[in-house]
Amino acid sequence: MERPDFWPDIRRFLLGFTGSGIAIGIYTLISVRPVP
């Protein structure tokens, strides 16, 4: 039962993509705070 070689790359890409997305979302929420 061999795992394909490209699976770790895909998993790392997905983790990096979601991590950067969350970081960008948090950064925008903090920097673009609505000031009353």
PDB file of N, CA and C in Angstrom:
ATOM      1  N   MET A   1       0.860  -1.192   0.000  1.00  0.00           N
ATOM      2  CA  MET A   1       0.000   0.000   0.000  1.00  0.00           C
ATOM      3  C   MET A   1       0.897   1.243   0.000  1.00  0.00           C
ATOM      4  N   GLU A   2       1.166   1.777  -1.163  1.00  0.00           N
ATOM      5  CA  GLU A   2       2.053   2.939  -1.272  1.00  0.00           C
ATOM      6  C   GLU A   2       1.239   4.218  -1.404  1.00  0.00           C
ATOM      7  N   ARG A   3       1.696   5.241  -0.707  1.00  0.00           N
ATOM      8  CA  ARG A   3       1.049   6.542  -0.868  1.00  0.00           C
ATOM      9  C   ARG A   3       1.707   7.275  -2.018  1.00  0.00           C
ATOM     10  N   PRO A   4       0.939   8.022  -2.797  1.00  0.00           N
ATOM     11  CA  PRO A   4       1.521   8.792  -3.905  1.00  0.00           C
ATOM     12  C   PRO A   4       2.478   9.853  -3.381  1.00  0.00           C
ATOM     13  N   ASP A   5       3.468  10.187  -4.198  1.00  0.00           N
ATOM     14  CA  ASP A   5       4.507  11.122  -3.763  1.00  0.00           C
ATOM     15  C   ASP A   5       3.987  12.559  -3.696  1.00  0.00           C
ATOM     16  N   PHE A   6       2.939  12.857  -4.471  1.00  0.00           N
ATOM     17  CA  PHE A   6       2.497  14.254  -4.530  1.00  0.00           C
ATOM     18  C   PHE A   6       1.521  14.583  -3.404  1.00  0.00           C
ATOM     19  N   TRP A   7       1.124  13.578  -2.586  1.00  0.00           N
ATOM     20  CA  TRP A   7       0.134  13.851  -1.538  1.00  0.00           C
ATOM     21  C   TRP A   7       0.666  14.816  -0.479  1.00  0.00           C
ATOM     22  N   PRO A   8       1.900  14.632   0.069  1.00  0.00           N
ATOM     23  CA  PRO A   8       2.421  15.589   1.056  1.00  0.00           C
ATOM     24  C   PRO A   8       2.493  17.007   0.494  1.00  0.00           C
ATOM     25  N   ASP A   9       2.839  17.141  -0.791  1.00  0.00           N
ATOM     26  CA  ASP A   9       2.909  18.481  -1.391  1.00  0.00           C
ATOM     27  C   ASP A   9       1.531  19.122  -1.418  1.00  0.00           C
ATOM     28  N   ILE A  10       0.508  18.331  -1.790  1.00  0.00           N
ATOM     29  CA  ILE A  10      -0.856  18.875  -1.845  1.00  0.00           C
ATOM     30  C   ILE A  10      -1.308  19.262  -0.439  1.00  0.00           C
ATOM     31  N   ARG A  11      -1.004  18.400   0.542  1.00  0.00           N
ATOM     32  CA  ARG A  11      -1.430  18.704   1.905  1.00  0.00           C
ATOM     33  C   ARG A  11      -0.724  19.959   2.413  1.00  0.00           C
ATOM     34  N   ARG A  12       0.568  20.087   2.120  1.00  0.00           N
ATOM     35  CA  ARG A  12       1.306  21.275   2.560  1.00  0.00           C
ATOM     36  C   ARG A  12       0.751  22.517   1.873  1.00  0.00           C
ATOM     37  N   PHE A  13       0.404  22.388   0.574  1.00  0.00           N
ATOM     38  CA  PHE A  13      -0.145  23.532  -0.159  1.00  0.00           C
ATOM     39  C   PHE A  13      -1.486  23.951   0.440  1.00  0.00           C
ATOM     40  N   LEU A  14      -2.341  22.960   0.733  1.00  0.00           N
ATOM     41  CA  LEU A  14      -3.650  23.278   1.303  1.00  0.00           C
ATOM     42  C   LEU A  14      -3.489  23.920   2.681  1.00  0.00           C
ATOM     43  N   LEU A  15      -2.579  23.378   3.500  1.00  0.00           N
ATOM     44  CA  LEU A  15      -2.375  23.947   4.837  1.00  0.00           C
ATOM     45  C   LEU A  15      -1.861  25.380   4.724  1.00  0.00           C
ATOM     46  N   GLY A  16      -0.908  25.612   3.837  1.00  0.00           N
ATOM     47  CA  GLY A  16      -0.377  26.960   3.667  1.00  0.00           C
ATOM     48  C   GLY A  16      -1.441  27.913   3.136  1.00  0.00           C
ATOM     49  N   PHE A  17      -2.258  27.416   2.195  1.00  0.00           N
ATOM     50  CA  PHE A  17      -3.288  28.273   1.599  1.00  0.00           C
ATOM     51  C   PHE A  17      -4.316  28.685   2.647  1.00  0.00           C
ATOM     52  N   THR A  18      -4.812  27.693   3.416  1.00  0.00           N
ATOM     53  CA  THR A  18      -5.821  28.008   4.431  1.00  0.00           C
ATOM     54  C   THR A  18      -5.211  28.870   5.537  1.00  0.00           C
ATOM     55  N   GLY A  19      -3.959  28.577   5.908  1.00  0.00           N
ATOM     56  CA  GLY A  19      -3.308  29.371   6.953  1.00  0.00           C
ATOM     57  C   GLY A  19      -3.150  30.821   6.529  1.00  0.00           C
ATOM     58  N   SER A  20      -2.710  31.038   5.282  1.00  0.00           N
ATOM     59  CA  SER A  20      -2.535  32.407   4.804  1.00  0.00           C
ATOM     60  C   SER A  20      -3.892  33.101   4.692  1.00  0.00           C
ATOM     61  N   GLY A  21      -4.917  32.353   4.288  1.00  0.00           N
ATOM     62  CA  GLY A  21      -6.256  32.931   4.181  1.00  0.00           C
ATOM     63  C   GLY A  21      -6.764  33.391   5.539  1.00  0.00           C
ATOM     64  N   ILE A  22      -6.574  32.545   6.558  1.00  0.00           N
ATOM     65  CA  ILE A  22      -7.022  32.918   7.905  1.00  0.00           C
ATOM     66  C   ILE A  22      -6.226  34.118   8.407  1.00  0.00           C
ATOM     67  N   ALA A  23      -4.907  34.111   8.146  1.00  0.00           N
ATOM     68  CA  ALA A  23      -4.070  35.223   8.609  1.00  0.00           C
ATOM     69  C   ALA A  23      -4.499  36.521   7.933  1.00  0.00           C
ATOM     70  N   ILE A  24      -4.774  36.460   6.620  1.00  0.00           N
ATOM     71  CA  ILE A  24      -5.191  37.667   5.895  1.00  0.00           C
ATOM     72  C   ILE A  24      -6.548  38.141   6.412  1.00  0.00           C
ATOM     73  N   GLY A  25      -7.456  37.200   6.681  1.00  0.00           N
ATOM     74  CA  GLY A  25      -8.773  37.565   7.201  1.00  0.00           C
ATOM     75  C   GLY A  25      -8.664  38.261   8.551  1.00  0.00           C
ATOM     76  N   ILE A  26      -7.852  37.693   9.439  1.00  0.00           N
ATOM     77  CA  ILE A  26      -7.686  38.298  10.765  1.00  0.00           C
ATOM     78  C   ILE A  26      -7.016  39.667  10.637  1.00  0.00           C
ATOM     79  N   TYR A  27      -6.013  39.756   9.758  1.00  0.00           N
ATOM     80  CA  TYR A  27      -5.304  41.033   9.585  1.00  0.00           C
ATOM     81  C   TYR A  27      -6.257  42.108   9.066  1.00  0.00           C
ATOM     82  N   THR A  28      -7.110  41.747   8.097  1.00  0.00           N
ATOM     83  CA  THR A  28      -8.050  42.733   7.562  1.00  0.00           C
ATOM     84  C   THR A  28      -9.071  43.115   8.629  1.00  0.00           C
ATOM     85  N   LEU A  29      -9.528  42.136   9.419  1.00  0.00           N
ATOM     86  CA  LEU A  29     -10.500  42.451  10.468  1.00  0.00           C
ATOM     87  C   LEU A  29      -9.893  43.418  11.486  1.00  0.00           C
ATOM     88  N   ILE A  30      -8.608  43.224  11.800  1.00  0.00           N
ATOM     89  CA  ILE A  30      -7.968  44.074  12.811  1.00  0.00           C
ATOM     90  C   ILE A  30      -7.658  45.456  12.230  1.00  0.00           C
ATOM     91  N   SER A  31      -7.168  45.494  10.980  1.00  0.00           N
ATOM     92  CA  SER A  31      -6.721  46.771  10.424  1.00  0.00           C
ATOM     93  C   SER A  31      -7.902  47.604   9.918  1.00  0.00           C
ATOM     94  N   VAL A  32      -8.958  46.946   9.454  1.00  0.00           N
ATOM     95  CA  VAL A  32     -10.096  47.690   8.891  1.00  0.00           C
ATOM     96  C   VAL A  32     -11.237  47.689   9.905  1.00  0.00           C
ATOM     97  N   ARG A  33     -10.902  48.013  11.156  1.00  0.00           N
ATOM     98  CA  ARG A  33     -11.908  48.058  12.203  1.00  0.00           C
ATOM     99  C   ARG A  33     -12.814  49.268  11.992  1.00  0.00           C
ATOM    100  N   PRO A  34     -14.115  49.098  12.029  1.00  0.00           N
ATOM    101  CA  PRO A  34     -15.028  50.247  11.875  1.00  0.00           C
ATOM    102  C   PRO A  34     -14.979  51.145  13.108  1.00  0.00           C
ATOM    103  N   VAL A  35     -14.660  52.419  12.897  1.00  0.00           N
ATOM    104  CA  VAL A  35     -14.560  53.357  14.019  1.00  0.00           C
ATOM    105  C   VAL A  35     -15.832  54.199  14.066  1.00  0.00           C
ATOM    106  N   PRO A  36     -16.590  54.104  15.138  1.00  0.00           N
ATOM    107  CA  PRO A  36     -17.852  54.866  15.229  1.00  0.00           C
ATOM    108  C   PRO A  36     -17.619  56.365  15.448  1.00  0.00           C
TER     109      PRO A  36
END
